[in-house]
Amino acid sequence: MVKVLPFILFAATVAVSLVGAVPVVAPTADDSSVAIPSSPANETAPVGLIGNVEEDPLVTLNSNDPFSTSITHRGKATWFTDSYGACNRKWNGYKEPIVALNSHQMGIQSWGNPVCDRRVRIVNADHPERSVVARVVDKCPGDQCVWGSLDLSPYAFKKLDHLVIGILNITWNYI
């Protein structure tokens, strides 16, 4: 069964009209599917139409696999200090590089979500020489994290910049 949510259909329609992309079907966490925008290899297509349109990140789509290492996501990084989250994992954010994935890309499923424990390489977009590999252990609420954004542990954030900065422009990939 294919679920086509109105905002996803809208995003796919906009992507088709803006870059000539075609919608593809991708699995969601609950084993159903939704239509998402896709573009030819190595082209950039807008996808963050769920969040603030003026701050929509871009994602380079090279694959139909949402966990592909060749997909480069762009967004904002913030930091948080919890020690337990959506993936049913405990952690120490001052000693471990962990991350909360935005709810738009993680989906509604928490425990048992296929993204839990996946590793991501995060790069400070303004200082590309600064990067960190972190483990996905939580979900950042949709009203706080737009598509492409991540919430990092203090340990991970400090690898990219000082905590007082608060918000960073980032790119990231699954590894």
C-alpha atoms as a PDB file:
ATOM      1  CA  MET A   1       0.000   0.000   0.000  1.00  0.00           C
ATOM      2  CA  VAL A   2       1.269   3.492  -0.815  1.00  0.00           C
ATOM      3  CA  LYS A   3       0.416   6.366   1.498  1.00  0.00           C
ATOM      4  CA  VAL A   4       0.723   9.766  -0.115  1.00  0.00           C
ATOM      5  CA  LEU A   5       0.466  12.405   2.557  1.00  0.00           C
ATOM      6  CA  PRO A   6      -0.637  15.848   1.312  1.00  0.00           C
ATOM      7  CA  PHE A   7       2.599  17.605   2.301  1.00  0.00           C
ATOM      8  CA  ILE A   8       4.738  14.862   0.717  1.00  0.00           C
ATOM      9  CA  LEU A   9       2.679  15.024  -2.469  1.00  0.00           C
ATOM     10  CA  PHE A  10       3.086  18.801  -2.439  1.00  0.00           C
ATOM     11  CA  ALA A  11       6.870  18.466  -1.927  1.00  0.00           C
ATOM     12  CA  ALA A  12       7.089  15.928  -4.749  1.00  0.00           C
ATOM     13  CA  THR A  13       5.057  18.173  -7.051  1.00  0.00           C
ATOM     14  CA  VAL A  14       7.262  21.163  -6.258  1.00  0.00           C
ATOM     15  CA  ALA A  15      10.411  19.085  -6.797  1.00  0.00           C
ATOM     16  CA  VAL A  16       9.117  17.880 -10.157  1.00  0.00           C
ATOM     17  CA  SER A  17       8.311  21.397 -11.274  1.00  0.00           C
ATOM     18  CA  LEU A  18      11.553  22.907  -9.979  1.00  0.00           C
ATOM     19  CA  VAL A  19      14.144  20.395 -11.119  1.00  0.00           C
ATOM     20  CA  GLY A  20      12.340  17.939 -13.349  1.00  0.00           C
ATOM     21  CA  ALA A  21      12.513  15.212 -10.734  1.00  0.00           C
ATOM     22  CA  VAL A  22      10.068  12.364 -10.486  1.00  0.00           C
ATOM     23  CA  PRO A  23       8.525  11.045  -7.274  1.00  0.00           C
ATOM     24  CA  VAL A  24       9.750   7.656  -6.086  1.00  0.00           C
ATOM     25  CA  VAL A  25       8.337   5.392  -3.420  1.00  0.00           C
ATOM     26  CA  ALA A  26      10.383   4.900  -0.264  1.00  0.00           C
ATOM     27  CA  PRO A  27       9.610   2.720   2.760  1.00  0.00           C
ATOM     28  CA  THR A  28       8.605   4.326   6.035  1.00  0.00           C
ATOM     29  CA  ALA A  29       9.240   3.030   9.524  1.00  0.00           C
ATOM     30  CA  ASP A  30       5.856   1.279   9.684  1.00  0.00           C
ATOM     31  CA  ASP A  31       6.528  -0.869   6.583  1.00  0.00           C
ATOM     32  CA  SER A  32       4.248   1.233   4.370  1.00  0.00           C
ATOM     33  CA  SER A  33       5.483   3.629   1.703  1.00  0.00           C
ATOM     34  CA  VAL A  34       5.260   7.308   0.866  1.00  0.00           C
ATOM     35  CA  ALA A  35       6.053   9.207  -2.291  1.00  0.00           C
ATOM     36  CA  ILE A  36       9.162  11.363  -1.990  1.00  0.00           C
ATOM     37  CA  PRO A  37      10.941  13.547  -4.507  1.00  0.00           C
ATOM     38  CA  SER A  38      13.910  12.182  -6.387  1.00  0.00           C
ATOM     39  CA  SER A  39      16.260  13.692  -8.903  1.00  0.00           C
ATOM     40  CA  PRO A  40      18.759  12.376 -11.389  1.00  0.00           C
ATOM     41  CA  ALA A  41      22.110  11.355  -9.919  1.00  0.00           C
ATOM     42  CA  ASN A  42      24.217  14.184  -8.506  1.00  0.00           C
ATOM     43  CA  GLU A  43      21.526  16.880  -8.837  1.00  0.00           C
ATOM     44  CA  THR A  44      20.207  18.909  -5.951  1.00  0.00           C
ATOM     45  CA  ALA A  45      16.486  18.929  -5.247  1.00  0.00           C
ATOM     46  CA  PRO A  46      14.520  20.814  -2.579  1.00  0.00           C
ATOM     47  CA  VAL A  47      13.029  18.521   0.027  1.00  0.00           C
ATOM     48  CA  GLY A  48      12.568  20.420   3.286  1.00  0.00           C
ATOM     49  CA  LEU A  49       9.120  21.755   2.468  1.00  0.00           C
ATOM     50  CA  ILE A  50       7.780  20.442   5.754  1.00  0.00           C
ATOM     51  CA  GLY A  51       9.711  22.996   7.834  1.00  0.00           C
ATOM     52  CA  ASN A  52      10.319  26.691   7.384  1.00  0.00           C
ATOM     53  CA  VAL A  53      10.335  27.288   3.624  1.00  0.00           C
ATOM     54  CA  GLU A  54      12.924  30.054   3.919  1.00  0.00           C
ATOM     55  CA  GLU A  55      15.329  27.720   5.765  1.00  0.00           C
ATOM     56  CA  ASP A  56      14.684  24.587   3.736  1.00  0.00           C
ATOM     57  CA  PRO A  57      17.863  22.534   3.478  1.00  0.00           C
ATOM     58  CA  LEU A  58      18.826  20.869   0.240  1.00  0.00           C
ATOM     59  CA  VAL A  59      19.703  17.221  -0.115  1.00  0.00           C
ATOM     60  CA  THR A  60      21.764  15.707  -2.880  1.00  0.00           C
ATOM     61  CA  LEU A  61      19.986  12.568  -4.004  1.00  0.00           C
ATOM     62  CA  ASN A  62      22.125   9.869  -5.577  1.00  0.00           C
ATOM     63  CA  SER A  63      20.103   6.838  -4.567  1.00  0.00           C
ATOM     64  CA  ASN A  64      16.612   5.594  -3.759  1.00  0.00           C
ATOM     65  CA  ASP A  65      17.992   4.144  -0.483  1.00  0.00           C
ATOM     66  CA  PRO A  66      17.288   6.661   2.327  1.00  0.00           C
ATOM     67  CA  PHE A  67      20.300   5.282   4.271  1.00  0.00           C
ATOM     68  CA  SER A  68      22.666   5.466   1.316  1.00  0.00           C
ATOM     69  CA  THR A  69      26.115   6.758   2.160  1.00  0.00           C
ATOM     70  CA  SER A  70      26.044   8.778  -1.072  1.00  0.00           C
ATOM     71  CA  ILE A  71      23.174  11.019   0.090  1.00  0.00           C
ATOM     72  CA  THR A  72      24.405  14.306   1.540  1.00  0.00           C
ATOM     73  CA  HIS A  73      21.891  15.959   3.858  1.00  0.00           C
ATOM     74  CA  ARG A  74      22.045  19.651   4.767  1.00  0.00           C
ATOM     75  CA  GLY A  75      20.495  21.321   7.774  1.00  0.00           C
ATOM     76  CA  LYS A  76      21.150  22.841  11.177  1.00  0.00           C
ATOM     77  CA  ALA A  77      22.805  21.318  14.224  1.00  0.00           C
ATOM     78  CA  THR A  78      21.814  22.144  17.781  1.00  0.00           C
ATOM     79  CA  TRP A  79      22.760  20.371  21.011  1.00  0.00           C
ATOM     80  CA  PHE A  80      20.894  18.784  23.925  1.00  0.00           C
ATOM     81  CA  THR A  81      21.679  17.052  27.214  1.00  0.00           C
ATOM     82  CA  ASP A  82      19.164  14.228  27.672  1.00  0.00           C
ATOM     83  CA  SER A  83      20.416  10.723  28.476  1.00  0.00           C
ATOM     84  CA  TYR A  84      17.566   8.544  27.186  1.00  0.00           C
ATOM     85  CA  GLY A  85      15.431   8.799  24.078  1.00  0.00           C
ATOM     86  CA  ALA A  86      13.298   7.433  21.264  1.00  0.00           C
ATOM     87  CA  CYS A  87      15.600   4.499  20.448  1.00  0.00           C
ATOM     88  CA  ASN A  88      15.373   3.073  23.998  1.00  0.00           C
ATOM     89  CA  ARG A  89      19.098   3.665  24.578  1.00  0.00           C
ATOM     90  CA  LYS A  90      20.896   5.278  27.513  1.00  0.00           C
ATOM     91  CA  TRP A  91      23.945   7.405  26.790  1.00  0.00           C
ATOM     92  CA  ASN A  92      26.252   9.987  28.292  1.00  0.00           C
ATOM     93  CA  GLY A  93      26.199  12.967  25.937  1.00  0.00           C
ATOM     94  CA  TYR A  94      29.251  14.497  27.591  1.00  0.00           C
ATOM     95  CA  LYS A  95      31.354  11.417  26.800  1.00  0.00           C
ATOM     96  CA  GLU A  96      29.706  10.035  23.637  1.00  0.00           C
ATOM     97  CA  PRO A  97      29.047  11.490  20.185  1.00  0.00           C
ATOM     98  CA  ILE A  98      25.333  10.842  19.798  1.00  0.00           C
ATOM     99  CA  VAL A  99      22.614  12.483  17.738  1.00  0.00           C
ATOM    100  CA  ALA A 100      18.841  12.933  17.654  1.00  0.00           C
ATOM    101  CA  LEU A 101      17.565  12.723  14.069  1.00  0.00           C
ATOM    102  CA  ASN A 102      14.799  15.100  13.011  1.00  0.00           C
ATOM    103  CA  SER A 103      11.358  13.514  13.226  1.00  0.00           C
ATOM    104  CA  HIS A 104      10.644  14.146   9.515  1.00  0.00           C
ATOM    105  CA  GLN A 105      13.409  11.744   8.473  1.00  0.00           C
ATOM    106  CA  MET A 106      13.060   9.368  11.411  1.00  0.00           C
ATOM    107  CA  GLY A 107       9.304   8.927  11.113  1.00  0.00           C
ATOM    108  CA  ILE A 108       6.809   8.054  13.811  1.00  0.00           C
ATOM    109  CA  GLN A 109       8.335   4.755  14.931  1.00  0.00           C
ATOM    110  CA  SER A 110      10.674   4.983  17.901  1.00  0.00           C
ATOM    111  CA  TRP A 111      11.823   1.723  19.499  1.00  0.00           C
ATOM    112  CA  GLY A 112      12.947  -0.699  16.823  1.00  0.00           C
ATOM    113  CA  ASN A 113      13.317   2.037  14.208  1.00  0.00           C
ATOM    114  CA  PRO A 114      15.845   0.949  11.537  1.00  0.00           C
ATOM    115  CA  VAL A 115      17.700   4.256  11.894  1.00  0.00           C
ATOM    116  CA  CYS A 116      18.468   3.636  15.587  1.00  0.00           C
ATOM    117  CA  ASP A 117      22.184   2.975  16.178  1.00  0.00           C
ATOM    118  CA  ARG A 118      23.119   3.987  12.617  1.00  0.00           C
ATOM    119  CA  ARG A 119      26.246   6.103  12.414  1.00  0.00           C
ATOM    120  CA  VAL A 120      26.395   9.460  10.664  1.00  0.00           C
ATOM    121  CA  ARG A 121      29.340  11.653   9.711  1.00  0.00           C
ATOM    122  CA  ILE A 122      28.525  15.294  10.460  1.00  0.00           C
ATOM    123  CA  VAL A 123      30.533  18.161   8.982  1.00  0.00           C
ATOM    124  CA  ASN A 124      30.460  21.810  10.021  1.00  0.00           C
ATOM    125  CA  ALA A 125      29.462  23.423   6.695  1.00  0.00           C
ATOM    126  CA  ASP A 126      31.224  26.681   7.615  1.00  0.00           C
ATOM    127  CA  HIS A 127      34.421  24.865   8.709  1.00  0.00           C
ATOM    128  CA  PRO A 128      34.563  21.644   6.637  1.00  0.00           C
ATOM    129  CA  GLU A 129      37.764  20.572   8.359  1.00  0.00           C
ATOM    130  CA  ARG A 130      35.689  19.906  11.499  1.00  0.00           C
ATOM    131  CA  SER A 131      33.681  16.671  11.541  1.00  0.00           C
ATOM    132  CA  VAL A 132      32.445  13.991  13.905  1.00  0.00           C
ATOM    133  CA  VAL A 133      30.947  10.518  13.622  1.00  0.00           C
ATOM    134  CA  ALA A 134      27.915  10.063  15.882  1.00  0.00           C
ATOM    135  CA  ARG A 135      25.330   7.359  16.612  1.00  0.00           C
ATOM    136  CA  VAL A 136      21.566   7.987  16.178  1.00  0.00           C
ATOM    137  CA  VAL A 137      19.853   7.341  19.537  1.00  0.00           C
ATOM    138  CA  ASP A 138      16.959   9.785  19.681  1.00  0.00           C
ATOM    139  CA  LYS A 139      14.416  11.835  17.739  1.00  0.00           C
ATOM    140  CA  CYS A 140      14.349  15.631  17.625  1.00  0.00           C
ATOM    141  CA  PRO A 141      10.735  16.899  17.689  1.00  0.00           C
ATOM    142  CA  GLY A 142       9.347  18.294  14.436  1.00  0.00           C
ATOM    143  CA  ASP A 143       8.722  21.741  15.882  1.00  0.00           C
ATOM    144  CA  GLN A 144      12.400  22.021  16.876  1.00  0.00           C
ATOM    145  CA  CYS A 145      14.210  20.287  13.987  1.00  0.00           C
ATOM    146  CA  VAL A 146      13.337  20.769  10.309  1.00  0.00           C
ATOM    147  CA  TRP A 147      14.187  18.268   7.563  1.00  0.00           C
ATOM    148  CA  GLY A 148      17.955  17.637   7.452  1.00  0.00           C
ATOM    149  CA  SER A 149      18.604  18.972  10.955  1.00  0.00           C
ATOM    150  CA  LEU A 150      20.209  17.084  13.842  1.00  0.00           C
ATOM    151  CA  ASP A 151      20.342  17.608  17.607  1.00  0.00           C
ATOM    152  CA  LEU A 152      23.794  16.622  18.904  1.00  0.00           C
ATOM    153  CA  SER A 153      25.186  15.640  22.271  1.00  0.00           C
ATOM    154  CA  PRO A 154      27.536  18.238  23.784  1.00  0.00           C
ATOM    155  CA  TYR A 155      30.460  15.885  23.051  1.00  0.00           C
ATOM    156  CA  ALA A 156      29.582  15.708  19.337  1.00  0.00           C
ATOM    157  CA  PHE A 157      28.768  19.420  19.040  1.00  0.00           C
ATOM    158  CA  LYS A 158      32.126  20.418  20.590  1.00  0.00           C
ATOM    159  CA  LYS A 159      33.914  18.458  17.842  1.00  0.00           C
ATOM    160  CA  LEU A 160      32.316  20.884  15.359  1.00  0.00           C
ATOM    161  CA  ASP A 161      32.428  24.161  17.326  1.00  0.00           C
ATOM    162  CA  HIS A 162      31.985  25.719  20.765  1.00  0.00           C
ATOM    163  CA  LEU A 163      28.716  25.065  22.618  1.00  0.00           C
ATOM    164  CA  VAL A 164      28.076  28.821  22.955  1.00  0.00           C
ATOM    165  CA  ILE A 165      27.602  28.976  19.167  1.00  0.00           C
ATOM    166  CA  GLY A 166      24.340  27.057  19.684  1.00  0.00           C
ATOM    167  CA  ILE A 167      23.354  26.454  16.039  1.00  0.00           C
ATOM    168  CA  LEU A 168      25.573  25.336  13.148  1.00  0.00           C
ATOM    169  CA  ASN A 169      25.104  24.823   9.430  1.00  0.00           C
ATOM    170  CA  ILE A 170      25.918  21.176   8.743  1.00  0.00           C
ATOM    171  CA  THR A 171      26.080  18.514   6.085  1.00  0.00           C
ATOM    172  CA  TRP A 172      25.860  14.847   7.013  1.00  0.00           C
ATOM    173  CA  ASN A 173      25.819  11.337   5.564  1.00  0.00           C
ATOM    174  CA  TYR A 174      25.075   7.876   6.867  1.00  0.00           C
ATOM    175  CA  ILE A 175      28.223   5.767   7.075  1.00  0.00           C
END
